[in-house]
Amino acid sequence: MARPRKPLLSRDRIVDAASALVDAEGLDAVSTRRLAAELGVSGPSLYNHFRNKDEILDAVADAVSAQIDLSMFDEHDGRDWRTALHDWAASYRAALADHPHIVPVLAQGPGRRPAGLRVADAVFGAMVRAGWPPAQATYIGALMRYFITGSALGSFARGFVDDAAAYDPADYPHLGQAHLLADHQEQVDEGAFETGLRALLDGLTMQYETGVRGKWETQSS
């Protein structure tokens, strides 16, 4: 039997094509008609794999979640909870930085997405194993997701234009160098992320020392 000229349509092919469109042109570029044209198939054939565009974007978002490193949460890894959270956050941010246009979909939560649920499960499980109460472990997972996805929704540095005249000292006496920020976008955004992450982890460490560890010491005395 002759081999088909084009590969058979599959969920993976659809997700790969949709991911490429989102990365190149944004969420609005994705439509079933556009995807069908990119894949060289008829539009209705997509519905054998996905019910609608939202399901396709969910699958694209989940493919990005699958890129996030979770090895630090393995109970045999050896990293303490704070280091694990830091390293996971860095991996999470890197995945979002590679696919910034899908962030609004990811920010809505994992829903039924398998990879997204594995992320939530790994974080929660690691925090509970470290001694955090389940409710607090839930708050930590939510807090970290808010911070990481929020940091990926836009660039502080890119919010300023490369025009010194836009920041008249008479109106903005402290923004004399603001027109230079765009040239240092990566440094500013990475520095802000690390500063915020350290502040979050410092605060959680204080709670851990006075609450979780203090409780252990009380119980053992």
N, C-alpha and C. Protein backbone atom coordinates (compact mmCIF):
# COMPACT_ATOMS: atom_id res chain seq x y z
N MET A 1 0.85 -1.19 0.00
CA MET A 1 0.00 0.00 0.00
C MET A 1 0.89 1.24 0.00
N ALA A 2 0.58 2.19 -0.88
CA ALA A 2 1.41 3.38 -1.00
C ALA A 2 1.33 4.23 0.26
N ARG A 3 2.46 4.80 0.64
CA ARG A 3 2.52 5.68 1.80
C ARG A 3 1.87 7.02 1.46
N PRO A 4 1.04 7.59 2.34
CA PRO A 4 0.41 8.88 2.04
C PRO A 4 1.45 9.97 1.84
N ARG A 5 1.11 10.91 0.92
CA ARG A 5 2.07 11.98 0.61
C ARG A 5 2.32 12.88 1.82
N LYS A 6 1.28 13.11 2.62
CA LYS A 6 1.43 13.95 3.80
C LYS A 6 1.21 13.10 5.05
N PRO A 7 1.92 13.41 6.13
CA PRO A 7 1.72 12.64 7.35
C PRO A 7 0.27 12.72 7.80
N LEU A 8 -0.22 11.62 8.38
CA LEU A 8 -1.58 11.62 8.88
C LEU A 8 -1.75 12.67 9.97
N LEU A 9 -2.94 13.26 10.01
CA LEU A 9 -3.21 14.28 11.02
C LEU A 9 -3.27 13.64 12.40
N SER A 10 -2.70 14.33 13.38
CA SER A 10 -2.70 13.84 14.76
C SER A 10 -2.80 15.02 15.70
N ARG A 11 -3.09 14.72 16.95
CA ARG A 11 -3.13 15.79 17.96
C ARG A 11 -1.79 16.51 18.04
N ASP A 12 -0.72 15.74 18.02
CA ASP A 12 0.61 16.36 18.13
C ASP A 12 0.89 17.31 16.97
N ARG A 13 0.52 16.91 15.75
CA ARG A 13 0.74 17.79 14.59
C ARG A 13 -0.07 19.08 14.73
N ILE A 14 -1.29 18.95 15.20
CA ILE A 14 -2.13 20.14 15.37
C ILE A 14 -1.55 21.06 16.44
N VAL A 15 -1.13 20.47 17.56
CA VAL A 15 -0.56 21.27 18.65
C VAL A 15 0.73 21.95 18.20
N ASP A 16 1.57 21.23 17.47
CA ASP A 16 2.83 21.82 16.98
C ASP A 16 2.54 23.00 16.05
N ALA A 17 1.57 22.83 15.16
CA ALA A 17 1.24 23.92 14.23
C ALA A 17 0.65 25.11 14.98
N ALA A 18 -0.23 24.83 15.93
CA ALA A 18 -0.83 25.91 16.72
C ALA A 18 0.23 26.62 17.55
N SER A 19 1.14 25.86 18.14
CA SER A 19 2.22 26.46 18.94
C SER A 19 3.07 27.40 18.10
N ALA A 20 3.38 26.97 16.89
CA ALA A 20 4.19 27.81 16.00
C ALA A 20 3.47 29.10 15.66
N LEU A 21 2.16 29.01 15.43
CA LEU A 21 1.38 30.20 15.13
C LEU A 21 1.32 31.15 16.32
N VAL A 22 1.07 30.59 17.50
CA VAL A 22 1.01 31.43 18.71
C VAL A 22 2.34 32.12 18.95
N ASP A 23 3.43 31.38 18.85
CA ASP A 23 4.75 31.96 19.08
C ASP A 23 5.05 33.08 18.08
N ALA A 24 4.66 32.86 16.82
CA ALA A 24 5.01 33.82 15.77
C ALA A 24 4.08 35.02 15.72
N GLU A 25 2.78 34.78 15.96
CA GLU A 25 1.81 35.85 15.70
C GLU A 25 0.84 36.13 16.83
N GLY A 26 0.85 35.33 17.88
CA GLY A 26 -0.04 35.58 19.00
C GLY A 26 -1.31 34.74 18.95
N LEU A 27 -2.09 34.83 20.02
CA LEU A 27 -3.29 34.00 20.17
C LEU A 27 -4.32 34.25 19.08
N ASP A 28 -4.45 35.50 18.65
CA ASP A 28 -5.48 35.84 17.68
C ASP A 28 -5.22 35.20 16.31
N ALA A 29 -4.01 34.77 16.08
CA ALA A 29 -3.68 34.16 14.78
C ALA A 29 -4.25 32.76 14.65
N VAL A 30 -4.61 32.16 15.77
CA VAL A 30 -5.05 30.77 15.75
C VAL A 30 -6.55 30.69 15.45
N SER A 31 -6.88 29.96 14.41
CA SER A 31 -8.27 29.61 14.09
C SER A 31 -8.24 28.23 13.45
N THR A 32 -9.35 27.54 13.50
CA THR A 32 -9.38 26.21 12.89
C THR A 32 -9.15 26.30 11.39
N ARG A 33 -9.65 27.36 10.78
CA ARG A 33 -9.44 27.52 9.33
C ARG A 33 -7.96 27.73 9.02
N ARG A 34 -7.31 28.59 9.81
CA ARG A 34 -5.89 28.86 9.58
C ARG A 34 -5.05 27.60 9.83
N LEU A 35 -5.36 26.89 10.90
CA LEU A 35 -4.61 25.67 11.20
C LEU A 35 -4.79 24.62 10.11
N ALA A 36 -6.01 24.47 9.62
CA ALA A 36 -6.27 23.51 8.56
C ALA A 36 -5.44 23.84 7.33
N ALA A 37 -5.36 25.14 7.01
CA ALA A 37 -4.57 25.56 5.84
C ALA A 37 -3.09 25.27 6.07
N GLU A 38 -2.59 25.54 7.29
CA GLU A 38 -1.18 25.29 7.60
C GLU A 38 -0.85 23.80 7.50
N LEU A 39 -1.81 22.97 7.87
CA LEU A 39 -1.58 21.53 7.89
C LEU A 39 -1.95 20.85 6.58
N GLY A 40 -2.58 21.60 5.68
CA GLY A 40 -2.95 21.03 4.40
C GLY A 40 -4.09 20.04 4.47
N VAL A 41 -5.03 20.31 5.39
CA VAL A 41 -6.18 19.41 5.54
C VAL A 41 -7.46 20.24 5.49
N SER A 42 -8.58 19.55 5.49
CA SER A 42 -9.86 20.25 5.54
C SER A 42 -10.16 20.64 6.98
N GLY A 43 -10.86 21.75 7.16
CA GLY A 43 -11.18 22.24 8.49
C GLY A 43 -11.86 21.22 9.39
N PRO A 44 -12.90 20.53 8.90
CA PRO A 44 -13.61 19.57 9.76
C PRO A 44 -12.74 18.45 10.30
N SER A 45 -11.65 18.14 9.62
CA SER A 45 -10.80 17.04 10.10
C SER A 45 -10.17 17.35 11.45
N LEU A 46 -10.02 18.64 11.78
CA LEU A 46 -9.47 19.00 13.09
C LEU A 46 -10.39 18.56 14.22
N TYR A 47 -11.68 18.53 13.93
CA TYR A 47 -12.65 18.21 14.98
C TYR A 47 -12.65 16.73 15.34
N ASN A 48 -11.90 15.94 14.63
CA ASN A 48 -11.71 14.55 15.05
C ASN A 48 -10.77 14.46 16.25
N HIS A 49 -10.05 15.56 16.52
CA HIS A 49 -9.06 15.58 17.59
C HIS A 49 -9.37 16.61 18.67
N PHE A 50 -9.97 17.73 18.29
CA PHE A 50 -10.31 18.80 19.23
C PHE A 50 -11.72 19.32 18.91
N ARG A 51 -12.45 19.66 19.95
CA ARG A 51 -13.82 20.14 19.72
C ARG A 51 -13.86 21.58 19.23
N ASN A 52 -12.88 22.39 19.64
CA ASN A 52 -12.90 23.80 19.27
C ASN A 52 -11.51 24.42 19.46
N LYS A 53 -11.42 25.70 19.14
CA LYS A 53 -10.15 26.42 19.25
C LYS A 53 -9.65 26.45 20.70
N ASP A 54 -10.57 26.61 21.65
CA ASP A 54 -10.15 26.68 23.06
C ASP A 54 -9.45 25.41 23.50
N GLU A 55 -9.93 24.27 23.03
CA GLU A 55 -9.26 23.01 23.38
C GLU A 55 -7.86 22.93 22.79
N ILE A 56 -7.72 23.47 21.59
CA ILE A 56 -6.39 23.48 20.96
C ILE A 56 -5.44 24.36 21.76
N LEU A 57 -5.90 25.55 22.16
CA LEU A 57 -5.04 26.44 22.94
C LEU A 57 -4.73 25.85 24.30
N ASP A 58 -5.67 25.12 24.88
CA ASP A 58 -5.40 24.42 26.13
C ASP A 58 -4.26 23.42 25.95
N ALA A 59 -4.29 22.71 24.83
CA ALA A 59 -3.24 21.71 24.55
C ALA A 59 -1.89 22.39 24.32
N VAL A 60 -1.90 23.56 23.67
CA VAL A 60 -0.66 24.32 23.47
C VAL A 60 -0.10 24.74 24.83
N ALA A 61 -0.99 25.25 25.69
CA ALA A 61 -0.55 25.67 27.02
C ALA A 61 0.02 24.50 27.80
N ASP A 62 -0.62 23.34 27.67
CA ASP A 62 -0.14 22.17 28.41
C ASP A 62 1.21 21.70 27.89
N ALA A 63 1.43 21.86 26.59
CA ALA A 63 2.74 21.50 26.03
C ALA A 63 3.84 22.37 26.61
N VAL A 64 3.52 23.64 26.89
CA VAL A 64 4.49 24.53 27.52
C VAL A 64 4.71 24.10 28.98
N SER A 65 3.65 23.75 29.68
CA SER A 65 3.79 23.28 31.07
C SER A 65 4.68 22.04 31.14
N ALA A 66 4.61 21.22 30.11
CA ALA A 66 5.42 19.99 30.10
C ALA A 66 6.91 20.28 30.00
N GLN A 67 7.27 21.51 29.62
CA GLN A 67 8.68 21.88 29.51
C GLN A 67 9.28 22.30 30.84
N ILE A 68 8.44 22.48 31.85
CA ILE A 68 8.92 22.95 33.15
C ILE A 68 9.58 21.80 33.91
N ASP A 69 10.78 22.04 34.41
CA ASP A 69 11.52 21.03 35.14
C ASP A 69 10.89 20.80 36.52
N LEU A 70 10.59 19.55 36.83
CA LEU A 70 10.02 19.20 38.13
C LEU A 70 10.95 18.29 38.93
N SER A 71 12.14 18.05 38.43
CA SER A 71 13.03 17.08 39.07
C SER A 71 13.39 17.48 40.50
N MET A 72 13.39 18.78 40.78
CA MET A 72 13.78 19.24 42.11
C MET A 72 12.76 18.87 43.19
N PHE A 73 11.57 18.48 42.76
CA PHE A 73 10.55 18.10 43.73
C PHE A 73 10.51 16.60 44.00
N ASP A 74 11.36 15.85 43.33
CA ASP A 74 11.43 14.42 43.61
C ASP A 74 11.94 14.21 45.03
N GLU A 75 11.30 13.33 45.77
CA GLU A 75 11.66 13.15 47.18
C GLU A 75 13.09 12.66 47.36
N HIS A 76 13.71 12.14 46.32
CA HIS A 76 15.09 11.66 46.42
C HIS A 76 16.10 12.68 45.87
N ASP A 77 15.61 13.85 45.45
CA ASP A 77 16.50 14.83 44.82
C ASP A 77 17.49 15.43 45.81
N GLY A 78 17.05 15.73 47.00
CA GLY A 78 17.96 16.23 48.03
C GLY A 78 17.91 17.73 48.25
N ARG A 79 17.28 18.48 47.36
CA ARG A 79 17.19 19.92 47.56
C ARG A 79 16.14 20.24 48.63
N ASP A 80 16.43 21.24 49.49
CA ASP A 80 15.45 21.65 50.47
C ASP A 80 14.31 22.39 49.76
N TRP A 81 13.22 22.61 50.47
CA TRP A 81 12.01 23.15 49.84
C TRP A 81 12.26 24.54 49.23
N ARG A 82 13.07 25.37 49.91
CA ARG A 82 13.32 26.72 49.39
C ARG A 82 14.11 26.66 48.09
N THR A 83 15.18 25.87 48.05
CA THR A 83 15.98 25.74 46.84
C THR A 83 15.16 25.14 45.72
N ALA A 84 14.32 24.17 46.05
CA ALA A 84 13.47 23.54 45.04
C ALA A 84 12.52 24.56 44.43
N LEU A 85 11.90 25.38 45.28
CA LEU A 85 10.99 26.40 44.76
C LEU A 85 11.72 27.39 43.87
N HIS A 86 12.91 27.78 44.28
CA HIS A 86 13.69 28.74 43.48
C HIS A 86 14.03 28.16 42.11
N ASP A 87 14.53 26.93 42.10
CA ASP A 87 14.96 26.32 40.84
C ASP A 87 13.76 26.04 39.92
N TRP A 88 12.66 25.64 40.53
CA TRP A 88 11.44 25.42 39.75
C TRP A 88 10.93 26.72 39.15
N ALA A 89 10.93 27.78 39.94
CA ALA A 89 10.47 29.08 39.46
C ALA A 89 11.31 29.56 38.28
N ALA A 90 12.62 29.34 38.35
CA ALA A 90 13.49 29.74 37.25
C ALA A 90 13.17 28.95 35.98
N SER A 91 12.92 27.65 36.14
CA SER A 91 12.57 26.83 34.98
C SER A 91 11.21 27.23 34.41
N TYR A 92 10.27 27.51 35.28
CA TYR A 92 8.93 27.94 34.89
C TYR A 92 9.01 29.23 34.08
N ARG A 93 9.75 30.20 34.63
CA ARG A 93 9.87 31.49 33.93
C ARG A 93 10.55 31.32 32.58
N ALA A 94 11.55 30.46 32.50
CA ALA A 94 12.25 30.23 31.23
C ALA A 94 11.29 29.67 30.18
N ALA A 95 10.42 28.75 30.60
CA ALA A 95 9.45 28.17 29.66
C ALA A 95 8.49 29.25 29.16
N LEU A 96 8.05 30.12 30.06
CA LEU A 96 7.13 31.19 29.66
C LEU A 96 7.84 32.22 28.79
N ALA A 97 9.10 32.49 29.09
CA ALA A 97 9.86 33.45 28.28
C ALA A 97 10.02 32.96 26.85
N ASP A 98 10.09 31.64 26.67
CA ASP A 98 10.21 31.08 25.32
C ASP A 98 8.88 31.12 24.57
N HIS A 99 7.76 31.21 25.30
CA HIS A 99 6.43 31.19 24.69
C HIS A 99 5.53 32.25 25.33
N PRO A 100 5.89 33.53 25.23
CA PRO A 100 5.18 34.56 25.98
C PRO A 100 3.72 34.75 25.59
N HIS A 101 3.37 34.46 24.33
CA HIS A 101 2.00 34.72 23.90
C HIS A 101 0.97 33.76 24.51
N ILE A 102 1.42 32.62 25.00
CA ILE A 102 0.49 31.64 25.58
C ILE A 102 0.26 31.90 27.07
N VAL A 103 0.98 32.84 27.65
CA VAL A 103 0.89 33.09 29.09
C VAL A 103 -0.55 33.40 29.55
N PRO A 104 -1.32 34.22 28.82
CA PRO A 104 -2.70 34.47 29.29
C PRO A 104 -3.53 33.21 29.45
N VAL A 105 -3.30 32.22 28.60
CA VAL A 105 -4.03 30.95 28.72
C VAL A 105 -3.53 30.18 29.95
N LEU A 106 -2.22 30.13 30.13
CA LEU A 106 -1.65 29.45 31.29
C LEU A 106 -2.09 30.10 32.60
N ALA A 107 -2.25 31.42 32.58
CA ALA A 107 -2.61 32.14 33.81
C ALA A 107 -3.99 31.78 34.31
N GLN A 108 -4.81 31.17 33.46
CA GLN A 108 -6.16 30.79 33.88
C GLN A 108 -6.17 29.55 34.77
N GLY A 109 -5.04 28.87 34.88
CA GLY A 109 -4.97 27.69 35.72
C GLY A 109 -4.91 26.41 34.91
N PRO A 110 -4.61 25.29 35.57
CA PRO A 110 -4.40 24.04 34.84
C PRO A 110 -5.68 23.38 34.35
N GLY A 111 -6.83 23.66 34.99
CA GLY A 111 -8.06 23.01 34.55
C GLY A 111 -7.93 21.50 34.55
N ARG A 112 -8.05 20.91 33.35
CA ARG A 112 -7.89 19.46 33.19
C ARG A 112 -6.60 19.10 32.46
N ARG A 113 -5.71 20.07 32.30
CA ARG A 113 -4.50 19.80 31.54
C ARG A 113 -3.56 18.89 32.32
N PRO A 114 -3.17 17.74 31.76
CA PRO A 114 -2.34 16.78 32.50
C PRO A 114 -1.00 17.33 32.97
N ALA A 115 -0.26 18.00 32.09
CA ALA A 115 1.06 18.52 32.49
C ALA A 115 0.92 19.61 33.54
N GLY A 116 -0.08 20.48 33.37
CA GLY A 116 -0.31 21.52 34.35
C GLY A 116 -0.68 20.96 35.71
N LEU A 117 -1.47 19.90 35.71
CA LEU A 117 -1.84 19.25 36.97
C LEU A 117 -0.65 18.56 37.61
N ARG A 118 0.25 18.02 36.79
CA ARG A 118 1.46 17.42 37.35
C ARG A 118 2.32 18.47 38.03
N VAL A 119 2.36 19.67 37.46
CA VAL A 119 3.10 20.76 38.11
C VAL A 119 2.51 21.07 39.46
N ALA A 120 1.19 21.27 39.51
CA ALA A 120 0.52 21.60 40.77
C ALA A 120 0.70 20.49 41.79
N ASP A 121 0.60 19.25 41.35
CA ASP A 121 0.75 18.11 42.25
C ASP A 121 2.16 18.03 42.82
N ALA A 122 3.16 18.29 41.98
CA ALA A 122 4.55 18.21 42.44
C ALA A 122 4.86 19.28 43.47
N VAL A 123 4.41 20.50 43.22
CA VAL A 123 4.67 21.59 44.17
C VAL A 123 3.97 21.32 45.50
N PHE A 124 2.70 20.98 45.43
CA PHE A 124 1.94 20.73 46.66
C PHE A 124 2.55 19.57 47.45
N GLY A 125 2.85 18.49 46.76
CA GLY A 125 3.41 17.33 47.45
C GLY A 125 4.73 17.63 48.12
N ALA A 126 5.59 18.39 47.45
CA ALA A 126 6.90 18.72 48.02
C ALA A 126 6.76 19.61 49.24
N MET A 127 5.83 20.56 49.20
CA MET A 127 5.66 21.45 50.35
C MET A 127 5.10 20.69 51.55
N VAL A 128 4.15 19.78 51.31
CA VAL A 128 3.60 19.00 52.42
C VAL A 128 4.69 18.10 53.01
N ARG A 129 5.50 17.47 52.15
CA ARG A 129 6.59 16.64 52.67
C ARG A 129 7.57 17.44 53.51
N ALA A 130 7.74 18.72 53.15
CA ALA A 130 8.67 19.57 53.90
C ALA A 130 8.11 19.99 55.25
N GLY A 131 6.82 19.74 55.48
CA GLY A 131 6.23 20.07 56.76
C GLY A 131 5.20 21.17 56.74
N TRP A 132 4.98 21.79 55.57
CA TRP A 132 3.95 22.83 55.48
C TRP A 132 2.58 22.19 55.64
N PRO A 133 1.67 22.85 56.37
CA PRO A 133 0.29 22.35 56.44
C PRO A 133 -0.32 22.37 55.04
N PRO A 134 -1.24 21.45 54.73
CA PRO A 134 -1.81 21.38 53.38
C PRO A 134 -2.39 22.71 52.89
N ALA A 135 -3.10 23.42 53.75
CA ALA A 135 -3.68 24.70 53.31
C ALA A 135 -2.58 25.68 52.92
N GLN A 136 -1.52 25.75 53.73
CA GLN A 136 -0.43 26.66 53.42
C GLN A 136 0.31 26.22 52.16
N ALA A 137 0.44 24.91 51.96
CA ALA A 137 1.07 24.41 50.74
C ALA A 137 0.28 24.84 49.51
N THR A 138 -1.05 24.84 49.63
CA THR A 138 -1.90 25.32 48.53
C THR A 138 -1.66 26.79 48.26
N TYR A 139 -1.58 27.58 49.33
CA TYR A 139 -1.34 29.02 49.16
C TYR A 139 0.01 29.28 48.49
N ILE A 140 1.01 28.50 48.87
CA ILE A 140 2.35 28.68 48.28
C ILE A 140 2.32 28.38 46.79
N GLY A 141 1.65 27.30 46.39
CA GLY A 141 1.55 26.98 44.97
C GLY A 141 0.86 28.08 44.21
N ALA A 142 -0.23 28.61 44.77
CA ALA A 142 -0.96 29.69 44.11
C ALA A 142 -0.11 30.96 44.04
N LEU A 143 0.52 31.31 45.16
CA LEU A 143 1.37 32.50 45.22
C LEU A 143 2.46 32.46 44.16
N MET A 144 3.15 31.32 44.07
CA MET A 144 4.24 31.21 43.11
C MET A 144 3.73 31.33 41.68
N ARG A 145 2.58 30.72 41.40
CA ARG A 145 2.03 30.81 40.04
C ARG A 145 1.64 32.24 39.70
N TYR A 146 1.03 32.95 40.67
CA TYR A 146 0.68 34.36 40.43
C TYR A 146 1.93 35.16 40.09
N PHE A 147 2.97 34.96 40.89
CA PHE A 147 4.19 35.74 40.70
C PHE A 147 4.86 35.42 39.37
N ILE A 148 4.99 34.14 39.06
CA ILE A 148 5.73 33.75 37.85
C ILE A 148 4.96 34.14 36.58
N THR A 149 3.68 33.81 36.54
CA THR A 149 2.91 34.17 35.33
C THR A 149 2.78 35.68 35.21
N GLY A 150 2.62 36.36 36.34
CA GLY A 150 2.53 37.81 36.29
C GLY A 150 3.80 38.44 35.73
N SER A 151 4.94 37.88 36.12
CA SER A 151 6.21 38.43 35.64
C SER A 151 6.39 38.23 34.14
N ALA A 152 5.67 37.23 33.60
CA ALA A 152 5.81 36.92 32.18
C ALA A 152 4.78 37.62 31.30
N LEU A 153 3.81 38.31 31.91
CA LEU A 153 2.75 38.95 31.13
C LEU A 153 3.22 40.20 30.41
N GLY A 154 4.30 40.77 30.87
CA GLY A 154 4.81 41.98 30.22
C GLY A 154 6.18 42.33 30.74
N SER A 155 6.83 43.25 30.05
CA SER A 155 8.17 43.69 30.43
C SER A 155 8.11 45.10 31.00
N PHE A 156 8.59 45.26 32.21
CA PHE A 156 8.65 46.60 32.81
C PHE A 156 9.52 47.51 31.95
N ALA A 157 10.67 47.00 31.53
CA ALA A 157 11.61 47.83 30.77
C ALA A 157 11.02 48.27 29.43
N ARG A 158 10.29 47.37 28.77
CA ARG A 158 9.70 47.71 27.47
C ARG A 158 8.55 48.70 27.59
N GLY A 159 8.12 48.95 28.82
CA GLY A 159 7.04 49.91 29.02
C GLY A 159 7.48 51.36 28.91
N PHE A 160 8.78 51.57 28.74
CA PHE A 160 9.31 52.93 28.61
C PHE A 160 9.85 53.12 27.19
N VAL A 161 9.62 54.29 26.62
CA VAL A 161 10.05 54.55 25.24
C VAL A 161 11.48 55.08 25.22
N ASP A 162 12.14 54.86 24.10
CA ASP A 162 13.51 55.32 23.91
C ASP A 162 13.52 56.77 23.43
N ASP A 163 13.03 57.65 24.30
CA ASP A 163 12.91 59.07 23.94
C ASP A 163 13.00 59.90 25.22
N ALA A 164 14.14 60.52 25.43
CA ALA A 164 14.35 61.29 26.66
C ALA A 164 13.34 62.40 26.82
N ALA A 165 12.84 62.94 25.70
CA ALA A 165 11.88 64.05 25.77
C ALA A 165 10.56 63.62 26.39
N ALA A 166 10.29 62.33 26.41
CA ALA A 166 9.02 61.85 26.98
C ALA A 166 9.01 61.95 28.50
N TYR A 167 10.19 62.17 29.09
CA TYR A 167 10.29 62.18 30.54
C TYR A 167 10.87 63.51 31.00
N ASP A 168 10.12 64.56 30.76
CA ASP A 168 10.53 65.92 31.12
C ASP A 168 10.75 65.99 32.63
N PRO A 169 11.95 66.42 33.06
CA PRO A 169 12.25 66.52 34.50
C PRO A 169 11.26 67.38 35.26
N ALA A 170 10.64 68.33 34.56
CA ALA A 170 9.67 69.18 35.23
C ALA A 170 8.44 68.38 35.65
N ASP A 171 8.13 67.34 34.88
CA ASP A 171 6.96 66.51 35.20
C ASP A 171 7.35 65.23 35.95
N TYR A 172 8.52 64.69 35.61
CA TYR A 172 8.96 63.42 36.19
C TYR A 172 10.40 63.56 36.68
N PRO A 173 10.59 64.20 37.82
CA PRO A 173 11.95 64.51 38.28
C PRO A 173 12.83 63.30 38.55
N HIS A 174 12.25 62.13 38.70
CA HIS A 174 13.04 60.94 39.03
C HIS A 174 13.17 59.97 37.86
N LEU A 175 12.73 60.34 36.67
CA LEU A 175 12.77 59.44 35.52
C LEU A 175 13.73 59.91 34.43
N GLY A 176 14.80 60.60 34.86
CA GLY A 176 15.75 61.13 33.89
C GLY A 176 16.45 60.06 33.06
N GLN A 177 16.53 58.84 33.58
CA GLN A 177 17.21 57.76 32.85
C GLN A 177 16.22 56.72 32.32
N ALA A 178 14.95 56.99 32.40
CA ALA A 178 13.94 56.00 32.02
C ALA A 178 14.01 55.62 30.55
N HIS A 179 14.46 56.55 29.70
CA HIS A 179 14.53 56.25 28.27
C HIS A 179 15.62 55.22 27.94
N LEU A 180 16.47 54.91 28.91
CA LEU A 180 17.53 53.93 28.70
C LEU A 180 17.11 52.51 29.08
N LEU A 181 15.97 52.38 29.74
CA LEU A 181 15.56 51.08 30.25
C LEU A 181 15.36 50.04 29.15
N ALA A 182 14.79 50.47 28.03
CA ALA A 182 14.50 49.52 26.96
C ALA A 182 15.77 48.83 26.44
N ASP A 183 16.89 49.54 26.51
CA ASP A 183 18.15 48.95 26.05
C ASP A 183 18.70 47.92 27.03
N HIS A 184 18.13 47.86 28.21
CA HIS A 184 18.60 46.93 29.24
C HIS A 184 17.46 46.03 29.69
N GLN A 185 16.58 45.69 28.77
CA GLN A 185 15.38 44.95 29.11
C GLN A 185 15.67 43.65 29.84
N GLU A 186 16.56 42.84 29.28
CA GLU A 186 16.83 41.54 29.88
C GLU A 186 17.38 41.68 31.29
N GLN A 187 18.32 42.59 31.47
CA GLN A 187 18.92 42.81 32.79
C GLN A 187 17.87 43.27 33.80
N VAL A 188 17.04 44.23 33.38
CA VAL A 188 16.02 44.77 34.29
C VAL A 188 15.00 43.70 34.65
N ASP A 189 14.49 43.01 33.65
CA ASP A 189 13.44 42.03 33.90
C ASP A 189 13.95 40.84 34.71
N GLU A 190 15.14 40.35 34.40
CA GLU A 190 15.70 39.24 35.16
C GLU A 190 16.04 39.68 36.59
N GLY A 191 16.58 40.89 36.72
CA GLY A 191 16.90 41.40 38.05
C GLY A 191 15.65 41.57 38.90
N ALA A 192 14.58 42.06 38.29
CA ALA A 192 13.33 42.24 39.02
C ALA A 192 12.76 40.89 39.44
N PHE A 193 12.83 39.90 38.55
CA PHE A 193 12.32 38.59 38.87
C PHE A 193 13.09 37.98 40.03
N GLU A 194 14.41 38.02 39.99
CA GLU A 194 15.21 37.44 41.06
C GLU A 194 15.01 38.18 42.37
N THR A 195 14.87 39.52 42.30
CA THR A 195 14.64 40.30 43.52
C THR A 195 13.31 39.91 44.15
N GLY A 196 12.27 39.81 43.33
CA GLY A 196 10.96 39.43 43.84
C GLY A 196 10.94 38.01 44.36
N LEU A 197 11.61 37.11 43.65
CA LEU A 197 11.64 35.71 44.06
C LEU A 197 12.34 35.56 45.40
N ARG A 198 13.48 36.24 45.56
CA ARG A 198 14.18 36.17 46.84
C ARG A 198 13.32 36.73 47.97
N ALA A 199 12.61 37.83 47.69
CA ALA A 199 11.75 38.42 48.72
C ALA A 199 10.64 37.46 49.12
N LEU A 200 10.04 36.80 48.14
CA LEU A 200 9.00 35.82 48.44
C LEU A 200 9.55 34.67 49.28
N LEU A 201 10.69 34.15 48.86
CA LEU A 201 11.28 33.01 49.57
C LEU A 201 11.77 33.40 50.95
N ASP A 202 12.28 34.63 51.10
CA ASP A 202 12.68 35.09 52.43
C ASP A 202 11.48 35.14 53.36
N GLY A 203 10.35 35.66 52.84
CA GLY A 203 9.14 35.73 53.65
C GLY A 203 8.63 34.35 54.02
N LEU A 204 8.64 33.44 53.06
CA LEU A 204 8.19 32.07 53.35
C LEU A 204 9.12 31.39 54.35
N THR A 205 10.41 31.66 54.24
CA THR A 205 11.37 31.06 55.18
C THR A 205 11.10 31.54 56.60
N MET A 206 10.78 32.82 56.75
CA MET A 206 10.45 33.35 58.08
C MET A 206 9.22 32.65 58.64
N GLN A 207 8.20 32.46 57.80
CA GLN A 207 7.00 31.74 58.24
C GLN A 207 7.33 30.31 58.63
N TYR A 208 8.19 29.69 57.83
CA TYR A 208 8.57 28.30 58.08
C TYR A 208 9.31 28.17 59.41
N GLU A 209 10.26 29.09 59.63
CA GLU A 209 11.07 29.02 60.84
C GLU A 209 10.23 29.24 62.09
N THR A 210 9.30 30.19 62.03
CA THR A 210 8.50 30.51 63.22
C THR A 210 7.28 29.62 63.37
N GLY A 211 6.80 29.08 62.26
CA GLY A 211 5.60 28.28 62.31
C GLY A 211 5.86 26.80 62.22
N VAL A 212 6.29 26.36 61.05
CA VAL A 212 6.46 24.92 60.82
C VAL A 212 7.56 24.36 61.70
N ARG A 213 8.76 24.93 61.64
CA ARG A 213 9.87 24.39 62.42
C ARG A 213 9.63 24.60 63.92
N GLY A 214 9.05 25.76 64.26
CA GLY A 214 8.75 26.00 65.67
C GLY A 214 7.79 24.98 66.23
N LYS A 215 6.84 24.56 65.40
CA LYS A 215 5.90 23.53 65.83
C LYS A 215 6.61 22.20 66.05
N TRP A 216 7.56 21.87 65.15
CA TRP A 216 8.32 20.65 65.32
C TRP A 216 9.07 20.65 66.65
N GLU A 217 9.74 21.79 66.93
CA GLU A 217 10.54 21.89 68.13
C GLU A 217 9.68 21.78 69.38
N THR A 218 8.47 22.38 69.32
CA THR A 218 7.55 22.31 70.45
C THR A 218 7.11 20.88 70.71
N GLN A 219 6.82 20.17 69.61
CA GLN A 219 6.35 18.79 69.74
C GLN A 219 7.45 17.85 70.25
N SER A 220 8.70 18.16 69.92
CA SER A 220 9.81 17.29 70.30
C SER A 220 10.35 17.58 71.70
N SER A 221 9.93 18.72 72.29
CA SER A 221 10.47 19.08 73.60
C SER A 221 9.62 18.50 74.73
